[in-house]
Amino acid sequence: MAHINSEIRAATVRVISETGGQLGIFPLNQALAMAKEEGLDLVEVAPNLDPPVCRIMDYGKFRYQQTKKTHEAKKKRTIIQVKEVKIRPKTEEHDFQFKLNNIRKFLIKKNKTKVSLLFRGREIQYVAAAKNILTRIIEETKDLAQVEQEPRLEGRNMTMVLGPKN
């Protein structure tokens, strides 16, 4: 937190004008008088230097502009979510197409998509067939997606991650 006006504790300070030009080194009371004369505040911007650097500025306006900048930065950032679609090895064609459409919607909205193929019971024997299903998803979404994580078996799940193309 910057020190303002009477909060500044140094005896002498280097003063910078509102426009950015150096005015010189002054005793604190003289620097405060200069700032008050212009109707502005004296703000300590570099307290660790010898003598500390103080700038003449409208502190309220400065704080307002800073909050506006951070607000704009928050507005412009993009939040990437990871959506998940779960499939089984024996998923019928209509259901497969439905899930594929969901994957495509997620990728169009610039979200990463995790595709999980779940095995139950003896379905774990059909790992090759499951890999074919995931390969088919890759082929049908190659216009929108790039593979960020290749299909791999993790316990009773086979997962892969698709990311939107830039």
C-alpha atoms as a PDB file:
ATOM      1  CA  MET A   1       0.000   0.000   0.000  1.00  0.00           C
ATOM      2  CA  ALA A   2       1.404   3.370  -0.993  1.00  0.00           C
ATOM      3  CA  HIS A   3       1.797   6.108   1.586  1.00  0.00           C
ATOM      4  CA  ILE A   4      -0.147   9.284   0.858  1.00  0.00           C
ATOM      5  CA  ASN A   5       0.404  12.878   2.032  1.00  0.00           C
ATOM      6  CA  SER A   6       0.898  12.919   5.848  1.00  0.00           C
ATOM      7  CA  GLU A   7       1.563   9.145   5.971  1.00  0.00           C
ATOM      8  CA  ILE A   8       4.984   9.634   4.325  1.00  0.00           C
ATOM      9  CA  ARG A   9       7.736   9.354   6.978  1.00  0.00           C
ATOM     10  CA  ALA A  10      10.886  10.429   5.067  1.00  0.00           C
ATOM     11  CA  ALA A  11      12.508  13.803   5.804  1.00  0.00           C
ATOM     12  CA  THR A  12      13.375  14.535   2.163  1.00  0.00           C
ATOM     13  CA  VAL A  13      11.755  13.151  -0.993  1.00  0.00           C
ATOM     14  CA  ARG A  14      12.415  13.162  -4.730  1.00  0.00           C
ATOM     15  CA  VAL A  15       9.345  14.726  -6.346  1.00  0.00           C
ATOM     16  CA  ILE A  16       7.923  13.845  -9.745  1.00  0.00           C
ATOM     17  CA  SER A  17       5.282  16.079 -11.316  1.00  0.00           C
ATOM     18  CA  GLU A  18       1.855  14.976 -12.510  1.00  0.00           C
ATOM     19  CA  THR A  19       3.116  14.881 -16.113  1.00  0.00           C
ATOM     20  CA  GLY A  20       6.097  12.678 -15.175  1.00  0.00           C
ATOM     21  CA  GLY A  21       8.940  15.215 -15.099  1.00  0.00           C
ATOM     22  CA  GLN A  22      11.391  15.290 -12.184  1.00  0.00           C
ATOM     23  CA  LEU A  23      11.116  18.402 -10.037  1.00  0.00           C
ATOM     24  CA  GLY A  24      14.005  17.585  -7.703  1.00  0.00           C
ATOM     25  CA  ILE A  25      14.698  16.680  -4.062  1.00  0.00           C
ATOM     26  CA  PHE A  26      12.696  18.636  -1.497  1.00  0.00           C
ATOM     27  CA  PRO A  27      11.984  18.514   2.237  1.00  0.00           C
ATOM     28  CA  LEU A  28       8.705  16.692   2.929  1.00  0.00           C
ATOM     29  CA  ASN A  29       6.782  19.782   4.077  1.00  0.00           C
ATOM     30  CA  GLN A  30       7.735  21.689   0.911  1.00  0.00           C
ATOM     31  CA  ALA A  31       6.738  18.739  -1.314  1.00  0.00           C
ATOM     32  CA  LEU A  32       3.384  18.491   0.488  1.00  0.00           C
ATOM     33  CA  ALA A  33       2.851  22.236  -0.027  1.00  0.00           C
ATOM     34  CA  MET A  34       3.580  21.857  -3.770  1.00  0.00           C
ATOM     35  CA  ALA A  35       1.017  19.064  -4.071  1.00  0.00           C
ATOM     36  CA  LYS A  36      -1.587  20.982  -2.040  1.00  0.00           C
ATOM     37  CA  GLU A  37      -1.001  24.066  -4.198  1.00  0.00           C
ATOM     38  CA  GLU A  38      -1.991  22.045  -7.279  1.00  0.00           C
ATOM     39  CA  GLY A  39      -4.948  20.512  -5.442  1.00  0.00           C
ATOM     40  CA  LEU A  40      -3.472  17.000  -5.701  1.00  0.00           C
ATOM     41  CA  ASP A  41      -1.960  14.338  -3.443  1.00  0.00           C
ATOM     42  CA  LEU A  42       1.672  13.434  -2.785  1.00  0.00           C
ATOM     43  CA  VAL A  43       1.991   9.649  -3.232  1.00  0.00           C
ATOM     44  CA  GLU A  44       5.064   7.618  -2.322  1.00  0.00           C
ATOM     45  CA  VAL A  45       5.765   5.384  -5.348  1.00  0.00           C
ATOM     46  CA  ALA A  46       9.245   4.040  -4.527  1.00  0.00           C
ATOM     47  CA  PRO A  47       9.689   3.977  -0.735  1.00  0.00           C
ATOM     48  CA  ASN A  48      12.873   1.829  -0.752  1.00  0.00           C
ATOM     49  CA  LEU A  49      15.066   4.325  -2.619  1.00  0.00           C
ATOM     50  CA  ASP A  50      17.177   6.981  -0.920  1.00  0.00           C
ATOM     51  CA  PRO A  51      15.519   9.511  -0.923  1.00  0.00           C
ATOM     52  CA  PRO A  52      12.068   7.952  -1.517  1.00  0.00           C
ATOM     53  CA  VAL A  53      10.335   8.887  -4.778  1.00  0.00           C
ATOM     54  CA  CYS A  54       6.979  10.656  -4.479  1.00  0.00           C
ATOM     55  CA  ARG A  55       4.636  11.627  -7.274  1.00  0.00           C
ATOM     56  CA  ILE A  56       2.117  14.449  -7.359  1.00  0.00           C
ATOM     57  CA  MET A  57      -1.185  12.956  -8.567  1.00  0.00           C
ATOM     58  CA  ASP A  58      -4.918  12.663  -7.924  1.00  0.00           C
ATOM     59  CA  TYR A  59      -4.838   9.474  -5.843  1.00  0.00           C
ATOM     60  CA  GLY A  60      -8.594   8.837  -6.001  1.00  0.00           C
ATOM     61  CA  LYS A  61      -8.544   9.005  -9.802  1.00  0.00           C
ATOM     62  CA  PHE A  62      -5.456   6.771  -9.882  1.00  0.00           C
ATOM     63  CA  ARG A  63      -7.170   4.092  -7.731  1.00  0.00           C
ATOM     64  CA  TYR A  64     -10.292   4.284  -9.909  1.00  0.00           C
ATOM     65  CA  GLN A  65      -8.245   3.734 -13.078  1.00  0.00           C
ATOM     66  CA  GLN A  66      -6.413   0.781 -11.484  1.00  0.00           C
ATOM     67  CA  THR A  67      -9.685  -0.950 -10.548  1.00  0.00           C
ATOM     68  CA  LYS A  68     -11.010  -0.286 -14.050  1.00  0.00           C
ATOM     69  CA  LYS A  69      -7.896  -1.891 -15.584  1.00  0.00           C
ATOM     70  CA  THR A  70      -8.210  -5.014 -13.442  1.00  0.00           C
ATOM     71  CA  HIS A  71     -11.925  -5.216 -14.282  1.00  0.00           C
ATOM     72  CA  GLU A  72     -11.153  -5.003 -18.025  1.00  0.00           C
ATOM     73  CA  ALA A  73      -8.455  -7.675 -17.683  1.00  0.00           C
ATOM     74  CA  LYS A  74     -10.936  -9.994 -15.966  1.00  0.00           C
ATOM     75  CA  LYS A  75     -13.472  -9.378 -18.709  1.00  0.00           C
ATOM     76  CA  LYS A  76     -11.029 -10.262 -21.486  1.00  0.00           C
ATOM     77  CA  ARG A  77      -9.667 -13.493 -20.041  1.00  0.00           C
ATOM     78  CA  THR A  78     -11.056 -16.771 -21.313  1.00  0.00           C
ATOM     79  CA  ILE A  79     -11.909 -19.546 -18.931  1.00  0.00           C
ATOM     80  CA  ILE A  80     -11.421 -22.994 -20.411  1.00  0.00           C
ATOM     81  CA  GLN A  81     -13.558 -25.656 -18.843  1.00  0.00           C
ATOM     82  CA  VAL A  82     -13.040 -29.380 -19.171  1.00  0.00           C
ATOM     83  CA  LYS A  83     -16.287 -31.088 -20.095  1.00  0.00           C
ATOM     84  CA  GLU A  84     -16.597 -34.859 -19.768  1.00  0.00           C
ATOM     85  CA  VAL A  85     -18.498 -37.322 -21.943  1.00  0.00           C
ATOM     86  CA  LYS A  86     -18.842 -40.918 -20.744  1.00  0.00           C
ATOM     87  CA  ILE A  87     -19.306 -43.784 -23.187  1.00  0.00           C
ATOM     88  CA  ARG A  88     -19.554 -47.558 -22.820  1.00  0.00           C
ATOM     89  CA  PRO A  89     -18.024 -50.101 -25.240  1.00  0.00           C
ATOM     90  CA  LYS A  90     -21.462 -51.382 -26.273  1.00  0.00           C
ATOM     91  CA  THR A  91     -23.040 -47.970 -26.860  1.00  0.00           C
ATOM     92  CA  GLU A  92     -25.561 -48.121 -29.734  1.00  0.00           C
ATOM     93  CA  GLU A  93     -25.115 -45.998 -32.869  1.00  0.00           C
ATOM     94  CA  HIS A  94     -27.840 -43.426 -32.061  1.00  0.00           C
ATOM     95  CA  ASP A  95     -26.474 -42.849 -28.552  1.00  0.00           C
ATOM     96  CA  PHE A  96     -22.955 -42.651 -29.959  1.00  0.00           C
ATOM     97  CA  GLN A  97     -24.044 -39.961 -32.442  1.00  0.00           C
ATOM     98  CA  PHE A  98     -25.788 -38.052 -29.633  1.00  0.00           C
ATOM     99  CA  LYS A  99     -22.611 -38.072 -27.511  1.00  0.00           C
ATOM    100  CA  LEU A 100     -20.530 -37.134 -30.566  1.00  0.00           C
ATOM    101  CA  ASN A 101     -22.789 -34.100 -31.147  1.00  0.00           C
ATOM    102  CA  ASN A 102     -22.267 -33.063 -27.509  1.00  0.00           C
ATOM    103  CA  ILE A 103     -18.481 -33.347 -27.949  1.00  0.00           C
ATOM    104  CA  ARG A 104     -18.709 -31.171 -31.066  1.00  0.00           C
ATOM    105  CA  LYS A 105     -20.795 -28.541 -29.185  1.00  0.00           C
ATOM    106  CA  PHE A 106     -18.238 -28.410 -26.370  1.00  0.00           C
ATOM    107  CA  LEU A 107     -15.375 -27.982 -28.841  1.00  0.00           C
ATOM    108  CA  ILE A 108     -17.218 -25.222 -30.737  1.00  0.00           C
ATOM    109  CA  LYS A 109     -17.587 -23.363 -27.422  1.00  0.00           C
ATOM    110  CA  LYS A 110     -13.769 -23.682 -26.983  1.00  0.00           C
ATOM    111  CA  ASN A 111     -13.984 -26.108 -24.047  1.00  0.00           C
ATOM    112  CA  LYS A 112     -11.655 -29.051 -23.618  1.00  0.00           C
ATOM    113  CA  THR A 113     -13.457 -32.376 -23.672  1.00  0.00           C
ATOM    114  CA  LYS A 114     -12.477 -35.485 -21.745  1.00  0.00           C
ATOM    115  CA  VAL A 115     -13.880 -38.648 -23.290  1.00  0.00           C
ATOM    116  CA  SER A 116     -14.118 -41.531 -20.810  1.00  0.00           C
ATOM    117  CA  LEU A 117     -14.905 -45.044 -21.944  1.00  0.00           C
ATOM    118  CA  LEU A 118     -16.098 -47.053 -18.951  1.00  0.00           C
ATOM    119  CA  PHE A 119     -15.723 -50.827 -18.663  1.00  0.00           C
ATOM    120  CA  ARG A 120     -17.925 -52.954 -16.424  1.00  0.00           C
ATOM    121  CA  GLY A 121     -17.416 -56.586 -15.591  1.00  0.00           C
ATOM    122  CA  ARG A 122     -16.063 -58.579 -18.530  1.00  0.00           C
ATOM    123  CA  GLU A 123     -16.198 -55.645 -20.939  1.00  0.00           C
ATOM    124  CA  ILE A 124     -12.530 -55.050 -20.070  1.00  0.00           C
ATOM    125  CA  GLN A 125     -11.743 -57.817 -22.604  1.00  0.00           C
ATOM    126  CA  TYR A 126     -12.806 -55.490 -25.441  1.00  0.00           C
ATOM    127  CA  VAL A 127      -9.998 -52.951 -25.107  1.00  0.00           C
ATOM    128  CA  ALA A 128      -9.231 -53.101 -28.846  1.00  0.00           C
ATOM    129  CA  ALA A 129     -12.868 -52.374 -29.730  1.00  0.00           C
ATOM    130  CA  ALA A 130     -12.896 -49.511 -27.232  1.00  0.00           C
ATOM    131  CA  LYS A 131      -9.757 -48.035 -28.804  1.00  0.00           C
ATOM    132  CA  ASN A 132     -11.552 -48.169 -32.175  1.00  0.00           C
ATOM    133  CA  ILE A 133     -14.454 -46.179 -30.702  1.00  0.00           C
ATOM    134  CA  LEU A 134     -12.107 -43.464 -29.434  1.00  0.00           C
ATOM    135  CA  THR A 135     -10.247 -43.438 -32.776  1.00  0.00           C
ATOM    136  CA  ARG A 136     -13.592 -42.955 -34.533  1.00  0.00           C
ATOM    137  CA  ILE A 137     -14.347 -39.967 -32.269  1.00  0.00           C
ATOM    138  CA  ILE A 138     -10.947 -38.478 -33.149  1.00  0.00           C
ATOM    139  CA  GLU A 139     -11.640 -38.947 -36.883  1.00  0.00           C
ATOM    140  CA  GLU A 140     -15.120 -37.413 -36.717  1.00  0.00           C
ATOM    141  CA  THR A 141     -13.965 -34.361 -34.720  1.00  0.00           C
ATOM    142  CA  LYS A 142     -10.638 -33.727 -36.458  1.00  0.00           C
ATOM    143  CA  ASP A 143     -12.012 -30.549 -38.097  1.00  0.00           C
ATOM    144  CA  LEU A 144     -12.682 -29.032 -34.628  1.00  0.00           C
ATOM    145  CA  ALA A 145     -10.326 -30.796 -32.229  1.00  0.00           C
ATOM    146  CA  GLN A 146      -6.755 -31.719 -31.591  1.00  0.00           C
ATOM    147  CA  VAL A 147      -5.825 -34.621 -29.351  1.00  0.00           C
ATOM    148  CA  GLU A 148      -4.202 -33.327 -26.171  1.00  0.00           C
ATOM    149  CA  GLN A 149      -3.981 -36.712 -24.463  1.00  0.00           C
ATOM    150  CA  GLU A 150      -3.925 -39.927 -26.462  1.00  0.00           C
ATOM    151  CA  PRO A 151      -6.349 -42.695 -25.437  1.00  0.00           C
ATOM    152  CA  ARG A 152      -4.915 -44.661 -22.537  1.00  0.00           C
ATOM    153  CA  LEU A 153      -6.196 -47.284 -20.170  1.00  0.00           C
ATOM    154  CA  GLU A 154      -6.389 -46.264 -16.502  1.00  0.00           C
ATOM    155  CA  GLY A 155      -7.817 -49.113 -14.449  1.00  0.00           C
ATOM    156  CA  ARG A 156     -11.328 -49.811 -15.752  1.00  0.00           C
ATOM    157  CA  ASN A 157     -11.492 -46.557 -17.749  1.00  0.00           C
ATOM    158  CA  MET A 158      -9.971 -45.564 -21.058  1.00  0.00           C
ATOM    159  CA  THR A 159      -9.653 -41.786 -21.341  1.00  0.00           C
ATOM    160  CA  MET A 160      -8.494 -39.183 -23.825  1.00  0.00           C
ATOM    161  CA  VAL A 161      -8.629 -35.399 -23.883  1.00  0.00           C
ATOM    162  CA  LEU A 162      -9.592 -33.337 -26.935  1.00  0.00           C
ATOM    163  CA  GLY A 163      -8.845 -29.620 -27.112  1.00  0.00           C
ATOM    164  CA  PRO A 164     -10.280 -27.042 -29.516  1.00  0.00           C
ATOM    165  CA  LYS A 165      -8.202 -26.177 -32.570  1.00  0.00           C
ATOM    166  CA  ASN A 166      -6.869 -22.632 -32.605  1.00  0.00           C
END
